[in-house]
N, C-alpha and C. Protein backbone atom coordinates (compact mmCIF):
# COMPACT_ATOMS: atom_id res chain seq x y z
N MET A 1 -10.69 -11.34 18.53
CA MET A 1 -10.75 -10.01 19.14
C MET A 1 -12.08 -9.34 18.78
N PRO A 2 -12.86 -8.84 19.76
CA PRO A 2 -14.12 -8.17 19.46
C PRO A 2 -13.88 -6.92 18.63
N LEU A 3 -14.82 -6.64 17.71
CA LEU A 3 -14.71 -5.45 16.89
C LEU A 3 -15.10 -4.22 17.70
N ASP A 4 -14.43 -3.10 17.44
CA ASP A 4 -14.77 -1.85 18.10
C ASP A 4 -16.22 -1.49 17.79
N ALA A 5 -16.93 -1.01 18.80
CA ALA A 5 -18.34 -0.68 18.62
C ALA A 5 -18.54 0.37 17.54
N ALA A 6 -17.60 1.32 17.43
CA ALA A 6 -17.76 2.40 16.45
C ALA A 6 -17.58 1.91 15.02
N VAL A 7 -16.84 0.82 14.84
CA VAL A 7 -16.52 0.33 13.50
C VAL A 7 -17.39 -0.86 13.11
N ALA A 8 -17.82 -1.64 14.10
CA ALA A 8 -18.52 -2.90 13.85
C ALA A 8 -19.69 -2.80 12.87
N PRO A 9 -20.53 -1.75 12.91
CA PRO A 9 -21.66 -1.70 11.96
C PRO A 9 -21.24 -1.63 10.50
N TRP A 10 -19.99 -1.27 10.25
CA TRP A 10 -19.54 -1.09 8.87
C TRP A 10 -18.77 -2.29 8.34
N ILE A 11 -18.62 -3.32 9.16
CA ILE A 11 -17.81 -4.48 8.77
C ILE A 11 -18.69 -5.55 8.14
N VAL A 12 -18.28 -6.03 6.97
CA VAL A 12 -18.98 -7.12 6.28
C VAL A 12 -18.57 -8.46 6.86
N ARG A 13 -17.27 -8.69 6.96
CA ARG A 13 -16.75 -9.96 7.44
C ARG A 13 -15.27 -9.79 7.75
N VAL A 14 -14.70 -10.77 8.42
CA VAL A 14 -13.26 -10.82 8.66
C VAL A 14 -12.72 -12.01 7.87
N GLN A 15 -11.80 -11.73 6.97
CA GLN A 15 -11.22 -12.75 6.11
C GLN A 15 -9.80 -13.05 6.55
N THR A 16 -9.39 -14.30 6.41
CA THR A 16 -8.00 -14.68 6.66
C THR A 16 -7.34 -15.05 5.35
N PHE A 17 -6.17 -14.48 5.09
CA PHE A 17 -5.40 -14.88 3.91
C PHE A 17 -3.94 -15.00 4.31
N SER A 18 -3.15 -15.64 3.46
CA SER A 18 -1.76 -15.93 3.80
C SER A 18 -0.82 -15.11 2.93
N PHE A 19 0.24 -14.60 3.57
CA PHE A 19 1.28 -13.89 2.84
C PHE A 19 2.62 -14.24 3.47
N ARG A 20 3.55 -14.71 2.66
CA ARG A 20 4.88 -15.11 3.14
C ARG A 20 4.79 -16.11 4.28
N GLY A 21 3.80 -17.02 4.19
CA GLY A 21 3.63 -18.05 5.20
C GLY A 21 3.01 -17.58 6.49
N THR A 22 2.47 -16.37 6.50
CA THR A 22 1.85 -15.80 7.70
C THR A 22 0.37 -15.56 7.45
N ASP A 23 -0.47 -15.95 8.39
CA ASP A 23 -1.91 -15.70 8.27
C ASP A 23 -2.21 -14.25 8.65
N ILE A 24 -2.94 -13.57 7.79
CA ILE A 24 -3.34 -12.18 7.99
C ILE A 24 -4.85 -12.13 8.15
N GLU A 25 -5.33 -11.48 9.21
CA GLU A 25 -6.76 -11.27 9.39
C GLU A 25 -7.12 -9.89 8.85
N LEU A 26 -8.18 -9.84 8.04
CA LEU A 26 -8.54 -8.58 7.40
C LEU A 26 -10.05 -8.37 7.49
N ALA A 27 -10.44 -7.34 8.25
CA ALA A 27 -11.85 -6.94 8.29
C ALA A 27 -12.15 -6.17 7.02
N LEU A 28 -13.26 -6.49 6.38
CA LEU A 28 -13.68 -5.85 5.13
C LEU A 28 -14.92 -5.03 5.41
N GLY A 29 -14.98 -3.82 4.83
CA GLY A 29 -16.02 -2.89 5.21
C GLY A 29 -17.03 -2.59 4.12
N HIS A 30 -18.28 -2.35 4.55
CA HIS A 30 -19.31 -1.85 3.64
C HIS A 30 -18.85 -0.53 3.02
N ASP A 31 -19.22 -0.32 1.77
CA ASP A 31 -18.98 0.96 1.09
C ASP A 31 -17.50 1.29 0.97
N LEU A 32 -16.64 0.26 1.02
CA LEU A 32 -15.21 0.45 0.80
C LEU A 32 -14.76 -0.48 -0.31
N PHE A 33 -13.62 -0.16 -0.91
CA PHE A 33 -13.12 -0.96 -2.02
C PHE A 33 -12.91 -2.42 -1.62
N SER A 34 -13.37 -3.31 -2.49
CA SER A 34 -13.18 -4.76 -2.32
C SER A 34 -13.73 -5.25 -0.99
N SER A 35 -15.05 -5.13 -0.83
CA SER A 35 -15.68 -5.52 0.42
C SER A 35 -15.98 -7.02 0.50
N ALA A 36 -15.77 -7.77 -0.60
CA ALA A 36 -16.07 -9.20 -0.60
C ALA A 36 -14.86 -10.05 -0.25
N ALA A 37 -13.67 -9.61 -0.66
CA ALA A 37 -12.44 -10.37 -0.44
C ALA A 37 -11.27 -9.49 -0.82
N VAL A 38 -10.06 -9.94 -0.51
CA VAL A 38 -8.87 -9.25 -0.97
C VAL A 38 -8.88 -9.27 -2.49
N ASP A 39 -8.76 -8.12 -3.13
CA ASP A 39 -8.94 -8.05 -4.57
C ASP A 39 -7.76 -8.64 -5.34
N VAL A 40 -8.01 -8.95 -6.60
CA VAL A 40 -7.02 -9.61 -7.44
C VAL A 40 -5.78 -8.74 -7.63
N GLY A 41 -5.96 -7.42 -7.78
CA GLY A 41 -4.82 -6.54 -7.96
C GLY A 41 -3.90 -6.52 -6.76
N THR A 42 -4.48 -6.43 -5.55
CA THR A 42 -3.67 -6.47 -4.33
C THR A 42 -2.89 -7.77 -4.24
N SER A 43 -3.54 -8.88 -4.56
CA SER A 43 -2.86 -10.19 -4.53
C SER A 43 -1.70 -10.23 -5.52
N ARG A 44 -1.90 -9.66 -6.71
CA ARG A 44 -0.83 -9.63 -7.71
C ARG A 44 0.36 -8.82 -7.21
N LEU A 45 0.10 -7.67 -6.61
CA LEU A 45 1.19 -6.84 -6.12
C LEU A 45 1.93 -7.52 -4.97
N LEU A 46 1.19 -8.16 -4.07
CA LEU A 46 1.85 -8.87 -2.97
C LEU A 46 2.74 -9.99 -3.49
N ARG A 47 2.27 -10.73 -4.51
CA ARG A 47 3.11 -11.79 -5.10
C ARG A 47 4.37 -11.20 -5.71
N ALA A 48 4.24 -10.04 -6.36
CA ALA A 48 5.41 -9.41 -6.96
C ALA A 48 6.41 -8.97 -5.89
N LEU A 49 5.90 -8.43 -4.79
CA LEU A 49 6.78 -7.93 -3.73
C LEU A 49 7.56 -9.04 -3.05
N GLU A 50 6.98 -10.24 -2.97
CA GLU A 50 7.64 -11.31 -2.23
C GLU A 50 8.58 -12.14 -3.10
N ARG A 51 8.65 -11.84 -4.39
CA ARG A 51 9.51 -12.62 -5.27
C ARG A 51 10.98 -12.41 -4.90
N GLN A 52 11.82 -13.38 -5.25
CA GLN A 52 13.25 -13.28 -4.98
C GLN A 52 13.82 -12.05 -5.68
N GLY A 53 14.55 -11.24 -4.94
CA GLY A 53 15.10 -10.02 -5.50
C GLY A 53 14.17 -8.84 -5.42
N GLY A 54 12.95 -9.03 -4.89
CA GLY A 54 11.99 -7.95 -4.74
C GLY A 54 12.31 -7.08 -3.54
N PRO A 55 11.51 -6.02 -3.34
CA PRO A 55 11.80 -5.07 -2.25
C PRO A 55 11.78 -5.66 -0.85
N LEU A 56 11.10 -6.79 -0.67
CA LEU A 56 11.04 -7.39 0.66
C LEU A 56 12.15 -8.41 0.89
N SER A 57 12.96 -8.67 -0.14
CA SER A 57 14.11 -9.56 0.02
C SER A 57 15.30 -8.73 0.48
N GLN A 58 15.21 -8.26 1.71
CA GLN A 58 16.21 -7.36 2.24
C GLN A 58 17.29 -8.11 2.99
N GLU A 59 18.36 -7.39 3.30
CA GLU A 59 19.40 -7.97 4.13
C GLU A 59 18.83 -8.27 5.51
N PRO A 60 19.20 -9.42 6.12
CA PRO A 60 18.68 -9.75 7.45
C PRO A 60 18.94 -8.65 8.46
N GLY A 61 17.88 -8.22 9.14
CA GLY A 61 18.02 -7.21 10.17
C GLY A 61 18.02 -5.78 9.68
N ARG A 62 18.06 -5.58 8.36
CA ARG A 62 18.05 -4.20 7.83
C ARG A 62 16.65 -3.62 7.98
N PRO A 63 16.50 -2.48 8.68
CA PRO A 63 15.16 -1.91 8.87
C PRO A 63 14.59 -1.39 7.56
N LEU A 64 13.28 -1.51 7.44
CA LEU A 64 12.58 -1.12 6.22
C LEU A 64 11.40 -0.24 6.60
N ARG A 65 11.31 0.96 6.01
CA ARG A 65 10.18 1.84 6.25
C ARG A 65 9.28 1.81 5.01
N VAL A 66 8.00 1.54 5.23
CA VAL A 66 7.05 1.31 4.14
C VAL A 66 5.86 2.24 4.29
N LEU A 67 5.43 2.84 3.18
CA LEU A 67 4.20 3.62 3.13
C LEU A 67 3.19 2.89 2.28
N ASP A 68 2.00 2.66 2.83
CA ASP A 68 0.87 2.12 2.07
C ASP A 68 -0.02 3.31 1.71
N LEU A 69 0.09 3.77 0.47
CA LEU A 69 -0.57 4.97 0.00
C LEU A 69 -1.94 4.63 -0.58
N GLY A 70 -3.01 5.27 -0.05
CA GLY A 70 -4.36 4.90 -0.47
C GLY A 70 -4.67 3.50 0.04
N CYS A 71 -4.45 3.31 1.34
CA CYS A 71 -4.40 1.96 1.93
C CYS A 71 -5.73 1.22 1.92
N GLY A 72 -6.87 1.93 1.79
CA GLY A 72 -8.14 1.25 1.96
C GLY A 72 -8.21 0.65 3.36
N VAL A 73 -8.59 -0.62 3.44
CA VAL A 73 -8.66 -1.28 4.75
C VAL A 73 -7.30 -1.81 5.19
N GLY A 74 -6.27 -1.61 4.36
CA GLY A 74 -4.90 -1.90 4.79
C GLY A 74 -4.29 -3.22 4.40
N PRO A 75 -4.77 -3.93 3.37
CA PRO A 75 -4.20 -5.25 3.10
C PRO A 75 -2.72 -5.24 2.76
N LEU A 76 -2.25 -4.24 2.03
CA LEU A 76 -0.84 -4.21 1.66
C LEU A 76 0.04 -3.91 2.88
N GLY A 77 -0.23 -2.80 3.55
CA GLY A 77 0.61 -2.40 4.68
C GLY A 77 0.56 -3.40 5.82
N VAL A 78 -0.63 -3.90 6.14
CA VAL A 78 -0.77 -4.85 7.24
C VAL A 78 -0.07 -6.17 6.91
N ALA A 79 -0.25 -6.66 5.68
CA ALA A 79 0.39 -7.93 5.29
C ALA A 79 1.91 -7.81 5.34
N ILE A 80 2.45 -6.70 4.86
CA ILE A 80 3.90 -6.53 4.89
C ILE A 80 4.41 -6.47 6.33
N ALA A 81 3.76 -5.65 7.17
CA ALA A 81 4.20 -5.51 8.56
C ALA A 81 4.08 -6.82 9.33
N ARG A 82 2.99 -7.53 9.13
CA ARG A 82 2.73 -8.75 9.89
C ARG A 82 3.65 -9.90 9.47
N SER A 83 4.08 -9.91 8.20
CA SER A 83 4.82 -11.06 7.69
C SER A 83 6.33 -10.94 7.84
N MET A 84 6.81 -9.74 8.15
CA MET A 84 8.25 -9.53 8.26
C MET A 84 8.74 -9.84 9.67
N PRO A 85 10.02 -10.17 9.84
CA PRO A 85 10.54 -10.44 11.19
C PRO A 85 10.33 -9.25 12.10
N CYS A 86 9.99 -9.54 13.34
CA CYS A 86 9.68 -8.49 14.31
C CYS A 86 10.83 -7.50 14.42
N GLY A 87 10.48 -6.21 14.36
CA GLY A 87 11.47 -5.16 14.53
C GLY A 87 12.21 -4.75 13.27
N THR A 88 11.90 -5.40 12.11
CA THR A 88 12.63 -5.08 10.89
C THR A 88 11.85 -4.17 9.95
N VAL A 89 10.58 -3.94 10.21
CA VAL A 89 9.78 -3.13 9.30
C VAL A 89 8.88 -2.18 10.09
N GLU A 90 8.72 -0.98 9.54
CA GLU A 90 7.82 0.02 10.10
C GLU A 90 6.92 0.48 8.96
N THR A 91 5.61 0.41 9.15
CA THR A 91 4.68 0.77 8.09
C THR A 91 3.84 1.96 8.50
N VAL A 92 3.56 2.81 7.52
CA VAL A 92 2.66 3.94 7.68
C VAL A 92 1.56 3.77 6.64
N LEU A 93 0.29 3.90 7.07
CA LEU A 93 -0.85 3.72 6.18
C LEU A 93 -1.64 5.03 6.10
N CYS A 94 -2.06 5.40 4.90
CA CYS A 94 -2.88 6.60 4.75
C CYS A 94 -3.89 6.42 3.63
N ASP A 95 -5.00 7.11 3.76
CA ASP A 95 -6.08 7.05 2.76
C ASP A 95 -6.89 8.32 2.87
N ARG A 96 -7.61 8.68 1.83
CA ARG A 96 -8.42 9.89 1.86
C ARG A 96 -9.75 9.68 2.56
N ASP A 97 -10.14 8.42 2.80
CA ASP A 97 -11.45 8.08 3.35
C ASP A 97 -11.35 7.79 4.84
N ARG A 98 -12.14 8.49 5.66
CA ARG A 98 -12.07 8.30 7.11
C ARG A 98 -12.52 6.91 7.54
N LEU A 99 -13.53 6.34 6.86
CA LEU A 99 -13.95 4.98 7.20
C LEU A 99 -12.83 3.99 6.88
N ALA A 100 -12.16 4.19 5.75
CA ALA A 100 -11.04 3.31 5.39
C ALA A 100 -9.96 3.36 6.45
N THR A 101 -9.59 4.55 6.92
CA THR A 101 -8.53 4.62 7.94
C THR A 101 -8.98 4.00 9.26
N ALA A 102 -10.28 4.11 9.57
CA ALA A 102 -10.78 3.49 10.80
C ALA A 102 -10.69 1.97 10.71
N VAL A 103 -11.06 1.40 9.55
CA VAL A 103 -10.98 -0.05 9.38
C VAL A 103 -9.53 -0.49 9.30
N ALA A 104 -8.67 0.32 8.68
CA ALA A 104 -7.24 -0.01 8.66
C ALA A 104 -6.67 -0.06 10.07
N GLN A 105 -7.09 0.87 10.94
CA GLN A 105 -6.66 0.83 12.34
C GLN A 105 -7.12 -0.46 13.01
N LEU A 106 -8.36 -0.86 12.74
CA LEU A 106 -8.87 -2.12 13.27
C LEU A 106 -8.02 -3.29 12.79
N ASN A 107 -7.68 -3.30 11.51
CA ASN A 107 -6.91 -4.42 10.97
C ASN A 107 -5.50 -4.46 11.53
N CYS A 108 -4.93 -3.31 11.85
CA CYS A 108 -3.64 -3.32 12.55
C CYS A 108 -3.78 -4.02 13.89
N ARG A 109 -4.83 -3.68 14.62
CA ARG A 109 -5.03 -4.30 15.93
C ARG A 109 -5.32 -5.80 15.81
N LEU A 110 -6.12 -6.20 14.82
CA LEU A 110 -6.43 -7.62 14.65
C LEU A 110 -5.17 -8.45 14.41
N ASN A 111 -4.14 -7.80 13.87
CA ASN A 111 -2.91 -8.51 13.54
C ASN A 111 -1.76 -8.20 14.50
N GLY A 112 -2.11 -7.64 15.67
CA GLY A 112 -1.10 -7.38 16.68
C GLY A 112 -0.15 -6.25 16.35
N LEU A 113 -0.65 -5.29 15.57
CA LEU A 113 0.15 -4.14 15.17
C LEU A 113 -0.51 -2.88 15.72
N PRO A 114 -0.15 -2.42 16.89
CA PRO A 114 -0.80 -1.22 17.44
C PRO A 114 -0.73 -0.07 16.44
N PRO A 115 -1.87 0.50 16.01
CA PRO A 115 -1.86 1.45 14.90
C PRO A 115 -1.41 2.85 15.25
N GLY A 116 -1.03 3.10 16.49
CA GLY A 116 -0.63 4.45 16.87
C GLY A 116 0.86 4.66 16.91
N GLY A 117 1.64 3.61 16.72
CA GLY A 117 3.08 3.78 16.79
C GLY A 117 3.77 2.43 16.71
N GLY A 118 5.08 2.44 16.87
CA GLY A 118 5.82 1.19 16.80
C GLY A 118 5.86 0.66 15.38
N ALA A 119 5.35 -0.56 15.20
CA ALA A 119 5.45 -1.23 13.91
C ALA A 119 4.55 -0.61 12.86
N SER A 120 3.48 0.07 13.25
CA SER A 120 2.56 0.61 12.26
C SER A 120 1.91 1.88 12.76
N ARG A 121 1.57 2.75 11.81
CA ARG A 121 0.84 3.98 12.11
C ARG A 121 -0.18 4.21 11.01
N VAL A 122 -1.41 4.53 11.40
CA VAL A 122 -2.44 4.92 10.45
C VAL A 122 -2.66 6.42 10.63
N LEU A 123 -2.47 7.17 9.57
CA LEU A 123 -2.55 8.62 9.65
C LEU A 123 -3.98 9.10 9.46
N ALA A 124 -4.24 10.33 9.86
CA ALA A 124 -5.54 10.94 9.62
C ALA A 124 -5.81 11.00 8.13
N ALA A 125 -7.09 10.90 7.76
CA ALA A 125 -7.46 10.87 6.35
C ALA A 125 -7.04 12.14 5.63
N GLY A 126 -6.60 11.98 4.40
CA GLY A 126 -6.19 13.12 3.58
C GLY A 126 -5.79 12.64 2.20
N CYS A 127 -5.73 13.55 1.24
CA CYS A 127 -5.49 13.19 -0.15
C CYS A 127 -4.00 12.96 -0.44
N GLY A 128 -3.71 11.94 -1.23
CA GLY A 128 -2.36 11.70 -1.70
C GLY A 128 -1.34 11.61 -0.57
N TYR A 129 -0.22 12.29 -0.79
CA TYR A 129 0.87 12.27 0.18
C TYR A 129 0.71 13.30 1.29
N GLU A 130 -0.35 14.10 1.24
CA GLU A 130 -0.49 15.19 2.19
C GLU A 130 -0.48 14.73 3.65
N PRO A 131 -1.17 13.61 4.01
CA PRO A 131 -1.10 13.18 5.42
C PRO A 131 0.32 12.92 5.89
N CYS A 132 1.17 12.39 5.01
CA CYS A 132 2.56 12.12 5.39
C CYS A 132 3.32 13.43 5.58
N ARG A 133 3.11 14.36 4.67
CA ARG A 133 3.80 15.65 4.80
C ARG A 133 3.36 16.36 6.08
N ALA A 134 2.05 16.34 6.35
CA ALA A 134 1.53 17.03 7.53
C ALA A 134 2.05 16.41 8.82
N ALA A 135 2.24 15.09 8.82
CA ALA A 135 2.70 14.39 10.02
C ALA A 135 4.22 14.30 10.11
N GLY A 136 4.91 14.82 9.10
CA GLY A 136 6.37 14.75 9.11
C GLY A 136 6.90 13.34 8.93
N GLU A 137 6.15 12.50 8.23
CA GLU A 137 6.58 11.12 8.02
C GLU A 137 7.55 11.03 6.83
N GLY A 138 8.34 9.96 6.84
CA GLY A 138 9.28 9.72 5.77
C GLY A 138 10.70 10.04 6.22
N PRO A 139 11.66 9.73 5.36
CA PRO A 139 11.50 9.11 4.05
C PRO A 139 11.27 7.60 4.16
N PHE A 140 10.84 7.01 3.03
CA PHE A 140 10.48 5.60 2.99
C PHE A 140 11.39 4.84 2.04
N ASP A 141 11.62 3.56 2.38
CA ASP A 141 12.35 2.67 1.48
C ASP A 141 11.43 2.11 0.41
N LEU A 142 10.15 1.96 0.74
CA LEU A 142 9.20 1.34 -0.17
C LEU A 142 7.85 2.04 -0.03
N ILE A 143 7.28 2.44 -1.15
CA ILE A 143 5.92 2.99 -1.18
C ILE A 143 5.08 2.04 -2.02
N VAL A 144 3.98 1.55 -1.47
CA VAL A 144 3.10 0.63 -2.18
C VAL A 144 1.73 1.26 -2.36
N SER A 145 1.07 0.94 -3.46
CA SER A 145 -0.25 1.51 -3.70
C SER A 145 -1.02 0.65 -4.69
N ASN A 146 -2.30 0.42 -4.39
CA ASN A 146 -3.24 -0.14 -5.35
C ASN A 146 -3.99 1.07 -5.90
N VAL A 147 -3.61 1.51 -7.08
CA VAL A 147 -4.07 2.78 -7.63
C VAL A 147 -5.57 2.71 -7.93
N PRO A 148 -6.37 3.64 -7.40
CA PRO A 148 -7.82 3.62 -7.67
C PRO A 148 -8.12 3.72 -9.16
N ALA A 149 -9.08 2.92 -9.60
CA ALA A 149 -9.40 2.84 -11.03
C ALA A 149 -9.89 4.16 -11.60
N LYS A 150 -10.57 4.98 -10.77
CA LYS A 150 -11.17 6.21 -11.27
C LYS A 150 -10.30 7.44 -11.04
N THR A 151 -9.03 7.22 -10.70
CA THR A 151 -8.13 8.35 -10.51
C THR A 151 -7.91 9.07 -11.84
N GLY A 152 -8.06 10.38 -11.88
CA GLY A 152 -7.78 11.15 -13.07
C GLY A 152 -6.29 11.28 -13.32
N GLU A 153 -5.93 11.87 -14.47
CA GLU A 153 -4.52 11.92 -14.85
C GLU A 153 -3.68 12.72 -13.86
N ARG A 154 -4.21 13.85 -13.36
CA ARG A 154 -3.43 14.63 -12.41
C ARG A 154 -3.25 13.88 -11.10
N GLY A 155 -4.28 13.14 -10.69
CA GLY A 155 -4.15 12.32 -9.49
C GLY A 155 -3.15 11.20 -9.69
N LEU A 156 -3.18 10.56 -10.86
CA LEU A 156 -2.21 9.51 -11.17
C LEU A 156 -0.78 10.05 -11.10
N GLU A 157 -0.59 11.21 -11.68
CA GLU A 157 0.74 11.82 -11.68
C GLU A 157 1.23 12.06 -10.26
N GLU A 158 0.33 12.55 -9.39
CA GLU A 158 0.71 12.79 -8.00
C GLU A 158 1.03 11.49 -7.27
N LEU A 159 0.19 10.47 -7.44
CA LEU A 159 0.40 9.21 -6.73
C LEU A 159 1.69 8.52 -7.16
N LEU A 160 1.97 8.52 -8.46
CA LEU A 160 3.08 7.73 -8.98
C LEU A 160 4.41 8.49 -8.98
N PHE A 161 4.35 9.83 -9.12
CA PHE A 161 5.59 10.59 -9.26
C PHE A 161 5.73 11.70 -8.23
N GLY A 162 4.81 11.77 -7.26
CA GLY A 162 4.80 12.88 -6.33
C GLY A 162 5.47 12.63 -5.00
N ALA A 163 6.16 11.51 -4.84
CA ALA A 163 6.75 11.19 -3.54
C ALA A 163 7.85 12.18 -3.15
N GLY A 164 8.66 12.59 -4.12
CA GLY A 164 9.73 13.55 -3.85
C GLY A 164 10.60 13.13 -2.69
N PRO A 165 10.82 14.01 -1.70
CA PRO A 165 11.71 13.69 -0.59
C PRO A 165 11.14 12.62 0.36
N LEU A 166 9.89 12.19 0.14
CA LEU A 166 9.35 11.12 0.97
C LEU A 166 9.93 9.75 0.60
N LEU A 167 10.63 9.68 -0.54
CA LEU A 167 11.25 8.42 -0.97
C LEU A 167 12.76 8.54 -0.81
N ARG A 168 13.35 7.59 -0.09
CA ARG A 168 14.79 7.61 0.13
C ARG A 168 15.54 7.37 -1.18
N PRO A 169 16.77 7.87 -1.31
CA PRO A 169 17.59 7.50 -2.47
C PRO A 169 17.70 5.98 -2.57
N GLY A 170 17.41 5.44 -3.73
CA GLY A 170 17.40 4.00 -3.89
C GLY A 170 16.11 3.34 -3.49
N GLY A 171 15.14 4.15 -3.02
CA GLY A 171 13.84 3.60 -2.64
C GLY A 171 13.02 3.17 -3.85
N VAL A 172 11.95 2.44 -3.57
CA VAL A 172 11.14 1.84 -4.63
C VAL A 172 9.68 2.24 -4.46
N VAL A 173 9.03 2.60 -5.58
CA VAL A 173 7.58 2.76 -5.62
C VAL A 173 7.01 1.53 -6.31
N ALA A 174 6.15 0.80 -5.63
CA ALA A 174 5.53 -0.41 -6.17
C ALA A 174 4.03 -0.21 -6.22
N PHE A 175 3.42 -0.45 -7.37
CA PHE A 175 1.99 -0.20 -7.48
C PHE A 175 1.34 -1.19 -8.43
N VAL A 176 0.04 -1.31 -8.28
CA VAL A 176 -0.76 -2.13 -9.18
C VAL A 176 -1.91 -1.27 -9.69
N HIS A 177 -2.30 -1.47 -10.94
CA HIS A 177 -3.40 -0.69 -11.51
C HIS A 177 -4.22 -1.57 -12.44
N VAL A 178 -5.45 -1.14 -12.70
CA VAL A 178 -6.30 -1.87 -13.63
C VAL A 178 -5.82 -1.62 -15.05
N ALA A 179 -6.08 -2.58 -15.93
CA ALA A 179 -5.57 -2.52 -17.30
C ALA A 179 -5.95 -1.24 -18.05
N PRO A 180 -7.19 -0.70 -17.90
CA PRO A 180 -7.52 0.51 -18.66
C PRO A 180 -6.65 1.73 -18.35
N LEU A 181 -5.92 1.73 -17.24
CA LEU A 181 -5.04 2.86 -16.92
C LEU A 181 -3.66 2.74 -17.57
N ALA A 182 -3.40 1.62 -18.25
CA ALA A 182 -2.05 1.37 -18.77
C ALA A 182 -1.59 2.46 -19.73
N GLY A 183 -2.46 2.89 -20.63
CA GLY A 183 -2.06 3.89 -21.61
C GLY A 183 -1.65 5.20 -20.96
N ALA A 184 -2.46 5.68 -20.02
CA ALA A 184 -2.15 6.94 -19.33
C ALA A 184 -0.86 6.82 -18.54
N ILE A 185 -0.68 5.72 -17.83
CA ILE A 185 0.53 5.55 -17.01
C ILE A 185 1.77 5.41 -17.87
N ASP A 186 1.69 4.66 -18.97
CA ASP A 186 2.85 4.52 -19.85
C ASP A 186 3.21 5.86 -20.49
N GLY A 187 2.19 6.67 -20.80
CA GLY A 187 2.47 8.00 -21.34
C GLY A 187 3.19 8.88 -20.34
N MET A 188 2.78 8.80 -19.07
CA MET A 188 3.45 9.59 -18.02
C MET A 188 4.88 9.12 -17.82
N ARG A 189 5.10 7.82 -17.88
CA ARG A 189 6.46 7.30 -17.73
C ARG A 189 7.35 7.80 -18.86
N ALA A 190 6.83 7.77 -20.09
CA ALA A 190 7.62 8.22 -21.23
C ALA A 190 7.94 9.71 -21.12
N LEU A 191 6.96 10.51 -20.70
CA LEU A 191 7.18 11.95 -20.56
C LEU A 191 8.22 12.23 -19.48
N CYS A 192 8.13 11.52 -18.37
CA CYS A 192 9.09 11.69 -17.28
C CYS A 192 10.50 11.36 -17.75
N GLU A 193 10.64 10.29 -18.52
CA GLU A 193 11.96 9.89 -18.99
C GLU A 193 12.53 10.89 -19.99
N ARG A 194 11.66 11.50 -20.80
CA ARG A 194 12.13 12.48 -21.79
C ARG A 194 12.53 13.79 -21.13
N GLU A 195 11.76 14.24 -20.12
CA GLU A 195 11.93 15.60 -19.62
C GLU A 195 12.59 15.70 -18.25
N ILE A 196 12.62 14.58 -17.50
CA ILE A 196 13.18 14.67 -16.14
C ILE A 196 14.37 13.72 -15.97
N ALA A 197 14.11 12.44 -15.93
CA ALA A 197 15.18 11.47 -15.70
C ALA A 197 14.69 10.08 -16.09
N PRO A 198 15.62 9.19 -16.42
CA PRO A 198 15.24 7.82 -16.73
C PRO A 198 14.60 7.14 -15.52
N LEU A 199 13.65 6.26 -15.78
CA LEU A 199 13.00 5.48 -14.74
C LEU A 199 13.44 4.03 -14.85
N GLU A 200 13.81 3.44 -13.73
CA GLU A 200 14.21 2.04 -13.73
C GLU A 200 13.04 1.19 -13.25
N VAL A 201 12.54 0.32 -14.12
CA VAL A 201 11.49 -0.62 -13.75
C VAL A 201 12.16 -1.96 -13.45
N LEU A 202 12.09 -2.38 -12.20
CA LEU A 202 12.77 -3.60 -11.77
C LEU A 202 11.96 -4.85 -12.07
N HIS A 203 10.65 -4.71 -12.07
CA HIS A 203 9.79 -5.88 -12.28
C HIS A 203 8.43 -5.42 -12.80
N GLU A 204 7.87 -6.20 -13.70
CA GLU A 204 6.52 -5.92 -14.21
C GLU A 204 5.78 -7.24 -14.36
N SER A 205 4.57 -7.27 -13.84
CA SER A 205 3.74 -8.46 -13.88
C SER A 205 2.35 -8.06 -14.35
N ALA A 206 1.92 -8.58 -15.51
CA ALA A 206 0.65 -8.17 -16.09
C ALA A 206 -0.27 -9.37 -16.30
N GLY A 207 -1.54 -9.16 -15.97
CA GLY A 207 -2.58 -10.12 -16.27
C GLY A 207 -3.64 -9.47 -17.13
N ARG A 208 -4.76 -10.13 -17.31
CA ARG A 208 -5.81 -9.57 -18.15
C ARG A 208 -6.38 -8.29 -17.57
N GLU A 209 -6.48 -8.21 -16.24
CA GLU A 209 -7.17 -7.10 -15.60
C GLU A 209 -6.25 -6.13 -14.86
N HIS A 210 -5.05 -6.57 -14.46
CA HIS A 210 -4.19 -5.74 -13.62
C HIS A 210 -2.73 -5.84 -14.06
N ARG A 211 -1.97 -4.81 -13.74
CA ARG A 211 -0.53 -4.83 -13.95
C ARG A 211 0.15 -4.29 -12.70
N ALA A 212 1.18 -4.99 -12.24
CA ALA A 212 1.95 -4.56 -11.08
C ALA A 212 3.36 -4.21 -11.53
N LEU A 213 3.89 -3.11 -11.00
CA LEU A 213 5.23 -2.66 -11.37
C LEU A 213 5.97 -2.16 -10.12
N PHE A 214 7.29 -2.30 -10.14
CA PHE A 214 8.13 -1.60 -9.17
C PHE A 214 9.51 -1.40 -9.77
């Protein structure tokens, strides 16, 4: 598929990778996160999500609504939407960067996911959950995020604990972060459990550089 003229100057390359036995095409952009290849953290989170008993091991035919928060060029949301049986998943992608949302829209099209409706939607750029609130999106069964390494503590708190009514009862927040954020995130988890409610961690996968949890 030819690249859109408005986006083409910003594209480094189109990479193909596999998820759940499905080939995913991903355009990677200049001046955007992980412009050389799908990053190690995203790959770790995708492996965690596809494990037996994970959020994607749903009942056959049960619809699943997914939010890719801080989507970048869309590897998480696009891979989930493209790899699931047709008609069983609906994904919403959002990011604060307008170039990222433009490339995410392109990646939806490259994978046969019209980005304006149906199986996938890419929202206008905005911070955190605000694009979802403004568009009246939600609630979601699954929220996924590759947490930016330079997010400050207040931003981390919003991304990880700010879903509120955007997350369905029994829904799951799944995220991956770089190792240096572990202390801050563990502190927030402990504070939340002491002052608000217990948190159930269903799975944790840690490597030298990244940790994925849901």
